[in-house]
């Protein structure tokens, strides 16, 4: 395997800062997208609690979602590399899950990267449809979570730019992209 690119997000404070700053416009984009979605699919549900207690509850839900998000990454790491040890952490404003040393195809790593965004967004939308979550709470929490997925979307961006047969090696601090060597017969 030939190394194409090595990305160290945990120790590169500038890259971490850029991702954290990119999360802000990403949250706004998703806020408007989820707002449009709930305008198109309106449900008679509870009103959003705009009190301090309501805001604190939404904040606690978001903190729970950060933990759930990383646990979903960990689960998918285990599904695709059952013998690899999964580690969790928080550094430079980034929560993360990692399975250092594991190697995946681009497609598999895309599943690992996007699973939390897809599953949590569907779960929140399901709660909204079931009238368990107000429209405003869904839009706010889902948009903030989607913005917080900025690192996962960055991985997808890198995968889309990489050659077709690229392999992804998860590392303690980020990932390495490798060109898969072809054997000639």
N, C-alpha and C. Protein backbone atom coordinates (compact mmCIF):
# COMPACT_ATOMS: atom_id res chain seq x y z
N UNK A 1 0.85 -1.19 0.00
CA UNK A 1 0.00 0.00 0.00
C UNK A 1 0.88 1.24 0.00
N UNK A 2 0.48 2.21 -0.80
CA UNK A 2 1.23 3.46 -0.88
C UNK A 2 0.42 4.55 -0.18
N UNK A 3 1.06 5.24 0.78
CA UNK A 3 0.40 6.31 1.52
C UNK A 3 0.09 7.48 0.59
N UNK A 4 -1.19 7.86 0.52
CA UNK A 4 -1.62 9.01 -0.27
C UNK A 4 -1.73 10.26 0.58
N UNK A 5 -2.25 10.10 1.79
CA UNK A 5 -2.48 11.25 2.65
C UNK A 5 -2.61 10.79 4.09
N UNK A 6 -2.04 11.58 5.00
CA UNK A 6 -2.16 11.32 6.43
C UNK A 6 -2.80 12.54 7.08
N UNK A 7 -3.88 12.33 7.82
CA UNK A 7 -4.59 13.43 8.45
C UNK A 7 -4.56 13.23 9.96
N UNK A 8 -4.05 14.24 10.66
CA UNK A 8 -3.97 14.23 12.13
C UNK A 8 -4.86 15.34 12.66
N UNK A 9 -6.11 15.02 12.91
CA UNK A 9 -7.04 16.04 13.40
C UNK A 9 -6.87 16.36 14.87
N UNK A 10 -6.43 15.38 15.64
CA UNK A 10 -6.38 15.59 17.09
C UNK A 10 -5.24 16.50 17.53
N UNK A 11 -4.15 16.51 16.81
CA UNK A 11 -3.02 17.34 17.20
C UNK A 11 -2.87 18.60 16.35
N UNK A 12 -3.62 18.68 15.27
CA UNK A 12 -3.58 19.85 14.40
C UNK A 12 -4.66 20.83 14.87
N UNK A 13 -4.27 21.75 15.74
CA UNK A 13 -5.24 22.68 16.32
C UNK A 13 -5.87 23.59 15.28
N UNK A 14 -5.13 23.93 14.24
CA UNK A 14 -5.69 24.78 13.18
C UNK A 14 -6.80 24.04 12.42
N UNK A 15 -6.54 22.77 12.10
CA UNK A 15 -7.57 21.98 11.40
C UNK A 15 -8.80 21.80 12.29
N UNK A 16 -8.58 21.54 13.57
CA UNK A 16 -9.71 21.39 14.50
C UNK A 16 -10.50 22.69 14.60
N UNK A 17 -9.80 23.81 14.65
CA UNK A 17 -10.48 25.10 14.71
C UNK A 17 -11.28 25.35 13.43
N UNK A 18 -10.68 25.05 12.27
CA UNK A 18 -11.39 25.23 11.00
C UNK A 18 -12.67 24.39 10.96
N UNK A 19 -12.58 23.14 11.44
CA UNK A 19 -13.77 22.29 11.45
C UNK A 19 -14.82 22.84 12.41
N UNK A 20 -14.39 23.26 13.58
CA UNK A 20 -15.35 23.82 14.54
C UNK A 20 -16.01 25.08 13.99
N UNK A 21 -15.26 25.91 13.29
CA UNK A 21 -15.85 27.11 12.67
C UNK A 21 -16.77 26.74 11.51
N UNK A 22 -16.40 25.71 10.75
CA UNK A 22 -17.24 25.27 9.64
C UNK A 22 -18.57 24.70 10.13
N UNK A 23 -18.60 24.24 11.37
CA UNK A 23 -19.83 23.69 11.93
C UNK A 23 -20.93 24.75 12.01
N UNK A 24 -20.56 26.01 12.17
CA UNK A 24 -21.56 27.07 12.34
C UNK A 24 -22.41 27.26 11.07
N UNK A 25 -21.79 27.50 9.90
CA UNK A 25 -22.65 27.62 8.71
C UNK A 25 -23.35 26.31 8.37
N UNK A 26 -22.72 25.18 8.69
CA UNK A 26 -23.35 23.89 8.45
C UNK A 26 -24.63 23.75 9.28
N UNK A 27 -24.58 24.19 10.54
CA UNK A 27 -25.78 24.18 11.39
C UNK A 27 -26.88 25.03 10.77
N UNK A 28 -26.51 26.19 10.24
CA UNK A 28 -27.51 27.08 9.63
C UNK A 28 -28.14 26.44 8.40
N UNK A 29 -27.32 25.81 7.57
CA UNK A 29 -27.85 25.13 6.38
C UNK A 29 -28.85 24.05 6.80
N UNK A 30 -28.46 23.24 7.78
CA UNK A 30 -29.37 22.18 8.23
C UNK A 30 -30.58 22.75 8.96
N UNK A 31 -30.42 23.87 9.66
CA UNK A 31 -31.56 24.49 10.32
C UNK A 31 -32.63 24.83 9.28
N UNK A 32 -32.20 25.46 8.19
CA UNK A 32 -33.16 25.83 7.14
C UNK A 32 -33.71 24.59 6.43
N UNK A 33 -32.87 23.58 6.23
CA UNK A 33 -33.32 22.34 5.58
C UNK A 33 -34.35 21.61 6.44
N UNK A 34 -34.06 21.47 7.74
CA UNK A 34 -35.01 20.78 8.63
C UNK A 34 -36.27 21.62 8.84
N UNK A 35 -36.13 22.93 8.81
CA UNK A 35 -37.29 23.81 8.91
C UNK A 35 -38.19 23.61 7.69
N UNK A 36 -37.58 23.54 6.51
CA UNK A 36 -38.35 23.30 5.28
C UNK A 36 -39.02 21.93 5.32
N UNK A 37 -38.30 20.94 5.82
CA UNK A 37 -38.86 19.59 5.93
C UNK A 37 -40.09 19.58 6.83
N UNK A 38 -39.99 20.24 7.98
CA UNK A 38 -41.13 20.25 8.90
C UNK A 38 -42.26 21.15 8.41
N UNK A 39 -41.95 22.10 7.54
CA UNK A 39 -43.02 22.87 6.89
C UNK A 39 -43.78 21.99 5.90
N UNK A 40 -43.05 21.12 5.21
CA UNK A 40 -43.66 20.22 4.23
C UNK A 40 -44.41 19.08 4.91
N UNK A 41 -43.89 18.61 6.03
CA UNK A 41 -44.52 17.50 6.76
C UNK A 41 -44.87 18.01 8.15
N UNK A 42 -46.02 18.61 8.24
CA UNK A 42 -46.44 19.23 9.50
C UNK A 42 -47.16 18.20 10.37
N UNK A 43 -46.83 18.21 11.66
CA UNK A 43 -47.42 17.28 12.62
C UNK A 43 -47.97 18.10 13.78
N UNK A 44 -49.16 17.73 14.24
CA UNK A 44 -49.70 18.36 15.44
C UNK A 44 -49.01 17.74 16.64
N UNK A 45 -48.04 18.44 17.16
CA UNK A 45 -47.28 17.92 18.29
C UNK A 45 -47.22 18.93 19.40
N UNK A 46 -46.40 18.65 20.37
CA UNK A 46 -46.29 19.57 21.51
C UNK A 46 -45.63 20.88 21.09
N UNK A 47 -45.91 21.91 21.84
CA UNK A 47 -45.25 23.20 21.64
C UNK A 47 -43.85 23.13 22.25
N UNK A 48 -42.94 23.85 21.66
CA UNK A 48 -41.57 23.90 22.20
C UNK A 48 -41.58 24.69 23.49
N UNK A 49 -40.95 24.13 24.51
CA UNK A 49 -40.84 24.79 25.81
C UNK A 49 -39.71 25.80 25.72
N UNK A 50 -40.04 27.07 25.70
CA UNK A 50 -39.04 28.13 25.53
C UNK A 50 -38.52 28.68 26.85
N UNK A 51 -38.78 27.97 27.93
CA UNK A 51 -38.28 28.41 29.23
C UNK A 51 -36.83 28.00 29.41
N UNK A 52 -36.22 28.46 30.47
CA UNK A 52 -34.85 28.06 30.78
C UNK A 52 -34.78 26.55 30.98
N UNK A 53 -35.77 25.99 31.64
CA UNK A 53 -35.81 24.54 31.85
C UNK A 53 -35.89 23.80 30.51
N UNK A 54 -36.70 24.33 29.58
CA UNK A 54 -36.80 23.71 28.26
C UNK A 54 -35.49 23.78 27.51
N UNK A 55 -34.82 24.92 27.59
CA UNK A 55 -33.52 25.07 26.94
C UNK A 55 -32.50 24.11 27.55
N UNK A 56 -32.49 24.01 28.87
CA UNK A 56 -31.56 23.09 29.55
C UNK A 56 -31.84 21.64 29.15
N UNK A 57 -33.11 21.29 29.02
CA UNK A 57 -33.46 19.93 28.59
C UNK A 57 -32.94 19.67 27.18
N UNK A 58 -33.12 20.63 26.27
CA UNK A 58 -32.60 20.47 24.91
C UNK A 58 -31.08 20.35 24.91
N UNK A 59 -30.42 21.12 25.76
CA UNK A 59 -28.96 21.05 25.88
C UNK A 59 -28.53 19.67 26.39
N UNK A 60 -29.24 19.14 27.38
CA UNK A 60 -28.93 17.80 27.90
C UNK A 60 -29.17 16.73 26.84
N UNK A 61 -30.22 16.90 26.05
CA UNK A 61 -30.47 15.97 24.95
C UNK A 61 -29.31 16.01 23.97
N UNK A 62 -28.83 17.21 23.65
CA UNK A 62 -27.70 17.33 22.73
C UNK A 62 -26.45 16.67 23.30
N UNK A 63 -26.16 16.86 24.58
CA UNK A 63 -25.00 16.19 25.20
C UNK A 63 -25.14 14.68 25.12
N UNK A 64 -26.35 14.19 25.37
CA UNK A 64 -26.61 12.75 25.23
C UNK A 64 -26.35 12.30 23.80
N UNK A 65 -26.76 13.13 22.83
CA UNK A 65 -26.57 12.77 21.42
C UNK A 65 -25.10 12.71 21.04
N UNK A 66 -24.27 13.55 21.66
CA UNK A 66 -22.83 13.47 21.39
C UNK A 66 -22.30 12.11 21.80
N UNK A 67 -22.69 11.67 22.99
CA UNK A 67 -22.25 10.35 23.47
C UNK A 67 -22.81 9.26 22.57
N UNK A 68 -24.11 9.33 22.26
CA UNK A 68 -24.73 8.34 21.38
C UNK A 68 -24.06 8.32 20.02
N UNK A 69 -23.75 9.48 19.48
CA UNK A 69 -23.09 9.62 18.18
C UNK A 69 -21.78 8.82 18.16
N UNK A 70 -20.96 9.02 19.18
CA UNK A 70 -19.67 8.32 19.22
C UNK A 70 -19.85 6.82 19.47
N UNK A 71 -20.86 6.45 20.26
CA UNK A 71 -21.14 5.03 20.47
C UNK A 71 -21.57 4.35 19.17
N UNK A 72 -22.32 5.07 18.33
CA UNK A 72 -22.71 4.52 17.03
C UNK A 72 -21.48 4.31 16.16
N UNK A 73 -20.57 5.29 16.14
CA UNK A 73 -19.30 5.08 15.42
C UNK A 73 -18.62 3.82 15.95
N UNK A 74 -18.52 3.70 17.27
CA UNK A 74 -17.87 2.55 17.88
C UNK A 74 -18.52 1.24 17.47
N UNK A 75 -19.85 1.21 17.46
CA UNK A 75 -20.58 0.01 17.05
C UNK A 75 -20.23 -0.35 15.61
N UNK A 76 -20.22 0.63 14.72
CA UNK A 76 -19.92 0.35 13.32
C UNK A 76 -18.45 -0.04 13.13
N UNK A 77 -17.54 0.54 13.91
CA UNK A 77 -16.15 0.07 13.87
C UNK A 77 -16.12 -1.41 14.21
N UNK A 78 -16.84 -1.81 15.25
CA UNK A 78 -16.86 -3.21 15.69
C UNK A 78 -17.51 -4.12 14.65
N UNK A 79 -18.58 -3.65 14.02
CA UNK A 79 -19.26 -4.45 13.00
C UNK A 79 -18.30 -4.77 11.86
N UNK A 80 -17.53 -3.78 11.42
CA UNK A 80 -16.67 -3.96 10.26
C UNK A 80 -15.26 -4.43 10.60
N UNK A 81 -14.85 -4.35 11.85
CA UNK A 81 -13.54 -4.84 12.29
C UNK A 81 -13.70 -5.37 13.72
N UNK A 82 -14.32 -6.55 13.86
CA UNK A 82 -14.68 -7.06 15.19
C UNK A 82 -13.51 -7.26 16.14
N UNK A 83 -12.32 -7.48 15.62
CA UNK A 83 -11.17 -7.75 16.49
C UNK A 83 -10.42 -6.49 16.91
N UNK A 84 -10.80 -5.35 16.37
CA UNK A 84 -10.12 -4.11 16.70
C UNK A 84 -10.69 -3.51 17.98
N UNK A 85 -9.81 -2.92 18.78
CA UNK A 85 -10.23 -2.23 20.00
C UNK A 85 -10.71 -0.83 19.62
N UNK A 86 -11.85 -0.43 20.17
CA UNK A 86 -12.40 0.90 19.93
C UNK A 86 -12.09 1.78 21.12
N UNK A 87 -11.65 3.00 20.83
CA UNK A 87 -11.35 3.98 21.87
C UNK A 87 -12.20 5.23 21.65
N UNK A 88 -12.49 5.92 22.75
CA UNK A 88 -13.29 7.14 22.69
C UNK A 88 -12.53 8.25 23.40
N UNK A 89 -12.76 9.50 22.95
CA UNK A 89 -12.09 10.61 23.61
C UNK A 89 -12.67 11.95 23.20
N UNK A 90 -12.06 13.00 23.74
CA UNK A 90 -12.45 14.38 23.44
C UNK A 90 -11.19 15.23 23.49
N UNK A 91 -10.89 15.93 22.38
CA UNK A 91 -9.70 16.77 22.34
C UNK A 91 -9.92 17.89 21.33
N UNK A 92 -9.43 19.09 21.66
CA UNK A 92 -9.52 20.26 20.77
C UNK A 92 -10.95 20.53 20.31
N UNK A 93 -11.91 20.30 21.18
CA UNK A 93 -13.30 20.55 20.84
C UNK A 93 -13.93 19.48 19.97
N UNK A 94 -13.24 18.36 19.80
CA UNK A 94 -13.74 17.28 18.97
C UNK A 94 -13.94 16.02 19.80
N UNK A 95 -15.16 15.51 19.83
CA UNK A 95 -15.41 14.19 20.42
C UNK A 95 -15.09 13.18 19.32
N UNK A 96 -14.55 12.03 19.71
CA UNK A 96 -14.18 11.07 18.68
C UNK A 96 -14.26 9.64 19.17
N UNK A 97 -14.40 8.75 18.20
CA UNK A 97 -14.26 7.31 18.40
C UNK A 97 -13.22 6.86 17.39
N UNK A 98 -12.41 5.91 17.76
CA UNK A 98 -11.36 5.43 16.86
C UNK A 98 -11.13 3.95 17.08
N UNK A 99 -10.73 3.27 16.03
CA UNK A 99 -10.32 1.87 16.09
C UNK A 99 -8.94 1.81 15.44
N UNK A 100 -7.92 2.28 16.17
CA UNK A 100 -6.59 2.44 15.59
C UNK A 100 -6.06 1.17 14.94
N UNK A 101 -5.53 1.35 13.73
CA UNK A 101 -4.92 0.24 13.01
C UNK A 101 -5.88 -0.50 12.09
N UNK A 102 -7.17 -0.25 12.22
CA UNK A 102 -8.12 -0.95 11.36
C UNK A 102 -8.10 -0.34 9.96
N UNK A 103 -8.30 -1.20 8.97
CA UNK A 103 -8.25 -0.78 7.57
C UNK A 103 -9.59 -1.10 6.91
N UNK A 104 -10.11 -0.12 6.17
CA UNK A 104 -11.42 -0.25 5.55
C UNK A 104 -11.38 0.22 4.10
N UNK A 105 -12.33 -0.26 3.32
CA UNK A 105 -12.53 0.30 1.98
C UNK A 105 -13.18 1.67 2.15
N UNK A 106 -13.16 2.45 1.08
CA UNK A 106 -13.81 3.77 1.13
C UNK A 106 -15.28 3.64 1.49
N UNK A 107 -15.96 2.69 0.89
CA UNK A 107 -17.39 2.52 1.14
C UNK A 107 -17.69 2.17 2.59
N UNK A 108 -16.91 1.25 3.13
CA UNK A 108 -17.10 0.85 4.53
C UNK A 108 -16.85 2.02 5.46
N UNK A 109 -15.79 2.77 5.21
CA UNK A 109 -15.49 3.91 6.09
C UNK A 109 -16.56 5.00 5.95
N UNK A 110 -17.15 5.11 4.77
CA UNK A 110 -18.25 6.06 4.59
C UNK A 110 -19.44 5.66 5.47
N UNK A 111 -19.74 4.36 5.52
CA UNK A 111 -20.82 3.88 6.41
C UNK A 111 -20.51 4.22 7.86
N UNK A 112 -19.29 3.96 8.27
CA UNK A 112 -18.89 4.25 9.66
C UNK A 112 -19.02 5.74 9.94
N UNK A 113 -18.61 6.55 8.99
CA UNK A 113 -18.63 8.01 9.17
C UNK A 113 -20.04 8.57 9.22
N UNK A 114 -20.91 8.09 8.35
CA UNK A 114 -22.24 8.68 8.21
C UNK A 114 -23.31 8.05 9.10
N UNK A 115 -23.05 6.87 9.65
CA UNK A 115 -24.07 6.16 10.43
C UNK A 115 -24.68 7.01 11.55
N UNK A 116 -23.88 7.71 12.37
CA UNK A 116 -24.50 8.51 13.44
C UNK A 116 -25.41 9.62 12.91
N UNK A 117 -24.96 10.31 11.87
CA UNK A 117 -25.78 11.39 11.30
C UNK A 117 -27.12 10.83 10.82
N UNK A 118 -27.06 9.75 10.06
CA UNK A 118 -28.28 9.17 9.49
C UNK A 118 -29.20 8.63 10.59
N UNK A 119 -28.66 7.81 11.49
CA UNK A 119 -29.50 7.18 12.51
C UNK A 119 -30.07 8.18 13.51
N UNK A 120 -29.26 9.12 13.96
CA UNK A 120 -29.76 10.10 14.93
C UNK A 120 -30.77 11.04 14.27
N UNK A 121 -30.51 11.46 13.04
CA UNK A 121 -31.46 12.33 12.35
C UNK A 121 -32.79 11.60 12.15
N UNK A 122 -32.73 10.34 11.73
CA UNK A 122 -33.96 9.57 11.56
C UNK A 122 -34.69 9.38 12.89
N UNK A 123 -33.93 9.13 13.95
CA UNK A 123 -34.54 8.98 15.28
C UNK A 123 -35.23 10.26 15.74
N UNK A 124 -34.56 11.38 15.56
CA UNK A 124 -35.16 12.67 15.94
C UNK A 124 -36.40 12.97 15.08
N UNK A 125 -36.30 12.68 13.79
CA UNK A 125 -37.44 12.93 12.91
C UNK A 125 -38.60 12.00 13.26
N UNK A 126 -38.28 10.76 13.61
CA UNK A 126 -39.32 9.83 14.05
C UNK A 126 -40.00 10.32 15.31
N UNK A 127 -39.22 10.87 16.24
CA UNK A 127 -39.81 11.42 17.47
C UNK A 127 -40.71 12.61 17.14
N UNK A 128 -40.30 13.42 16.19
CA UNK A 128 -41.14 14.55 15.75
C UNK A 128 -42.43 14.02 15.13
N UNK A 129 -42.34 13.03 14.23
CA UNK A 129 -43.53 12.49 13.57
C UNK A 129 -44.48 11.84 14.57
N UNK A 130 -43.93 11.24 15.62
CA UNK A 130 -44.75 10.59 16.64
C UNK A 130 -45.25 11.58 17.69
N UNK A 131 -45.00 12.85 17.45
CA UNK A 131 -45.41 13.94 18.35
C UNK A 131 -44.72 13.86 19.71
N UNK A 132 -43.58 13.24 19.75
CA UNK A 132 -42.81 13.18 20.99
C UNK A 132 -41.80 14.31 21.09
N UNK A 133 -41.64 15.04 20.01
CA UNK A 133 -40.68 16.14 19.96
C UNK A 133 -41.34 17.28 19.19
N UNK A 134 -41.31 18.46 19.75
CA UNK A 134 -41.93 19.59 19.06
C UNK A 134 -41.16 19.92 17.79
N UNK A 135 -41.83 20.61 16.89
CA UNK A 135 -41.19 21.02 15.63
C UNK A 135 -39.94 21.83 15.91
N UNK A 136 -40.05 22.83 16.78
CA UNK A 136 -38.92 23.70 17.08
C UNK A 136 -37.76 22.95 17.71
N UNK A 137 -38.08 22.04 18.63
CA UNK A 137 -37.02 21.26 19.28
C UNK A 137 -36.34 20.34 18.26
N UNK A 138 -37.14 19.70 17.39
CA UNK A 138 -36.54 18.84 16.36
C UNK A 138 -35.59 19.64 15.48
N UNK A 139 -36.08 20.76 14.96
CA UNK A 139 -35.26 21.57 14.04
C UNK A 139 -33.98 22.01 14.72
N UNK A 140 -34.08 22.51 15.94
CA UNK A 140 -32.90 23.01 16.65
C UNK A 140 -31.91 21.89 16.97
N UNK A 141 -32.40 20.82 17.59
CA UNK A 141 -31.50 19.74 18.01
C UNK A 141 -30.90 19.04 16.80
N UNK A 142 -31.71 18.75 15.79
CA UNK A 142 -31.20 18.07 14.60
C UNK A 142 -30.19 18.93 13.85
N UNK A 143 -30.43 20.24 13.78
CA UNK A 143 -29.49 21.13 13.09
C UNK A 143 -28.17 21.23 13.85
N UNK A 144 -28.24 21.35 15.16
CA UNK A 144 -27.00 21.42 15.95
C UNK A 144 -26.23 20.11 15.82
N UNK A 145 -26.95 18.98 15.89
CA UNK A 145 -26.26 17.70 15.73
C UNK A 145 -25.62 17.59 14.35
N UNK A 146 -26.36 17.98 13.31
CA UNK A 146 -25.82 17.89 11.94
C UNK A 146 -24.57 18.76 11.80
N UNK A 147 -24.59 19.95 12.39
CA UNK A 147 -23.40 20.79 12.36
C UNK A 147 -22.24 20.15 13.09
N UNK A 148 -22.55 19.47 14.19
CA UNK A 148 -21.51 18.79 14.96
C UNK A 148 -20.93 17.59 14.21
N UNK A 149 -21.60 17.16 13.15
CA UNK A 149 -21.10 16.06 12.32
C UNK A 149 -20.06 16.54 11.31
N UNK A 150 -19.60 17.76 11.44
CA UNK A 150 -18.69 18.37 10.48
C UNK A 150 -17.46 17.49 10.23
N UNK A 151 -16.91 16.87 11.26
CA UNK A 151 -15.75 16.00 11.08
C UNK A 151 -16.07 14.79 10.22
N UNK A 152 -17.25 14.23 10.42
CA UNK A 152 -17.67 13.08 9.62
C UNK A 152 -17.85 13.49 8.16
N UNK A 153 -18.43 14.66 7.94
CA UNK A 153 -18.60 15.15 6.57
C UNK A 153 -17.24 15.47 5.93
N UNK A 154 -16.29 15.90 6.74
CA UNK A 154 -14.94 16.13 6.23
C UNK A 154 -14.32 14.82 5.75
N UNK A 155 -14.52 13.73 6.52
CA UNK A 155 -14.01 12.42 6.08
C UNK A 155 -14.65 12.05 4.74
N UNK A 156 -15.94 12.28 4.61
CA UNK A 156 -16.63 11.94 3.36
C UNK A 156 -16.06 12.77 2.20
N UNK A 157 -15.82 14.03 2.44
CA UNK A 157 -15.21 14.89 1.42
C UNK A 157 -13.86 14.31 0.97
N UNK A 158 -13.03 13.90 1.92
CA UNK A 158 -11.73 13.32 1.58
C UNK A 158 -11.90 12.02 0.81
N UNK A 159 -12.87 11.20 1.20
CA UNK A 159 -13.11 9.94 0.50
C UNK A 159 -13.57 10.18 -0.93
N UNK A 160 -14.41 11.18 -1.13
CA UNK A 160 -14.89 11.49 -2.48
C UNK A 160 -13.76 11.97 -3.38
N UNK A 161 -12.79 12.66 -2.81
CA UNK A 161 -11.65 13.16 -3.59
C UNK A 161 -10.62 12.06 -3.87
N UNK A 162 -10.61 11.01 -3.07
CA UNK A 162 -9.58 9.96 -3.18
C UNK A 162 -9.88 9.03 -4.36
N UNK A 163 -8.83 8.42 -4.92
CA UNK A 163 -9.02 7.46 -6.01
C UNK A 163 -9.95 6.30 -5.61
N UNK A 164 -10.50 5.64 -6.61
CA UNK A 164 -11.52 4.60 -6.40
C UNK A 164 -11.11 3.49 -5.44
N UNK A 165 -9.94 2.96 -5.57
CA UNK A 165 -9.54 1.80 -4.76
C UNK A 165 -8.78 2.18 -3.50
N UNK A 166 -9.01 3.37 -3.00
CA UNK A 166 -8.32 3.85 -1.80
C UNK A 166 -8.75 3.04 -0.59
N UNK A 167 -7.79 2.75 0.27
CA UNK A 167 -8.06 2.12 1.57
C UNK A 167 -7.88 3.16 2.66
N UNK A 168 -8.65 3.02 3.72
CA UNK A 168 -8.61 3.96 4.84
C UNK A 168 -8.12 3.22 6.07
N UNK A 169 -7.06 3.76 6.68
CA UNK A 169 -6.56 3.20 7.94
C UNK A 169 -6.88 4.19 9.05
N UNK A 170 -7.65 3.73 10.02
CA UNK A 170 -7.98 4.58 11.17
C UNK A 170 -6.75 4.63 12.07
N UNK A 171 -6.45 5.82 12.56
CA UNK A 171 -5.30 5.98 13.46
C UNK A 171 -5.77 6.60 14.77
N UNK A 172 -4.88 6.67 15.73
CA UNK A 172 -5.20 7.27 17.03
C UNK A 172 -5.58 8.75 16.90
N UNK A 173 -5.09 9.39 15.85
CA UNK A 173 -5.24 10.85 15.72
C UNK A 173 -6.02 11.29 14.48
N UNK A 174 -6.42 10.37 13.64
CA UNK A 174 -7.10 10.73 12.41
C UNK A 174 -7.21 9.53 11.50
N UNK A 175 -6.72 9.69 10.28
CA UNK A 175 -6.72 8.56 9.36
C UNK A 175 -5.64 8.72 8.30
N UNK A 176 -5.30 7.60 7.69
CA UNK A 176 -4.38 7.57 6.57
C UNK A 176 -5.12 7.00 5.37
N UNK A 177 -4.89 7.58 4.21
CA UNK A 177 -5.45 7.08 2.97
C UNK A 177 -4.33 6.42 2.17
N UNK A 178 -4.60 5.21 1.70
CA UNK A 178 -3.60 4.44 0.96
C UNK A 178 -4.14 4.05 -0.41
N UNK A 179 -3.23 4.03 -1.36
CA UNK A 179 -3.56 3.49 -2.67
C UNK A 179 -3.37 1.99 -2.59
N UNK A 180 -4.40 1.27 -2.96
CA UNK A 180 -4.33 -0.19 -2.94
C UNK A 180 -3.42 -0.64 -4.08
N UNK A 181 -2.40 -1.40 -3.73
CA UNK A 181 -1.47 -1.91 -4.75
C UNK A 181 -2.16 -3.00 -5.55
N UNK A 182 -2.00 -2.94 -6.86
CA UNK A 182 -2.56 -3.99 -7.70
C UNK A 182 -1.44 -4.94 -8.07
N UNK A 183 -1.76 -6.21 -8.07
CA UNK A 183 -0.76 -7.21 -8.44
C UNK A 183 -0.98 -7.60 -9.89
N UNK A 184 0.10 -7.64 -10.64
CA UNK A 184 -0.01 -8.04 -12.04
C UNK A 184 0.34 -9.51 -12.15
N UNK A 185 -0.36 -10.18 -13.01
CA UNK A 185 -0.15 -11.62 -13.15
C UNK A 185 0.76 -11.94 -14.28
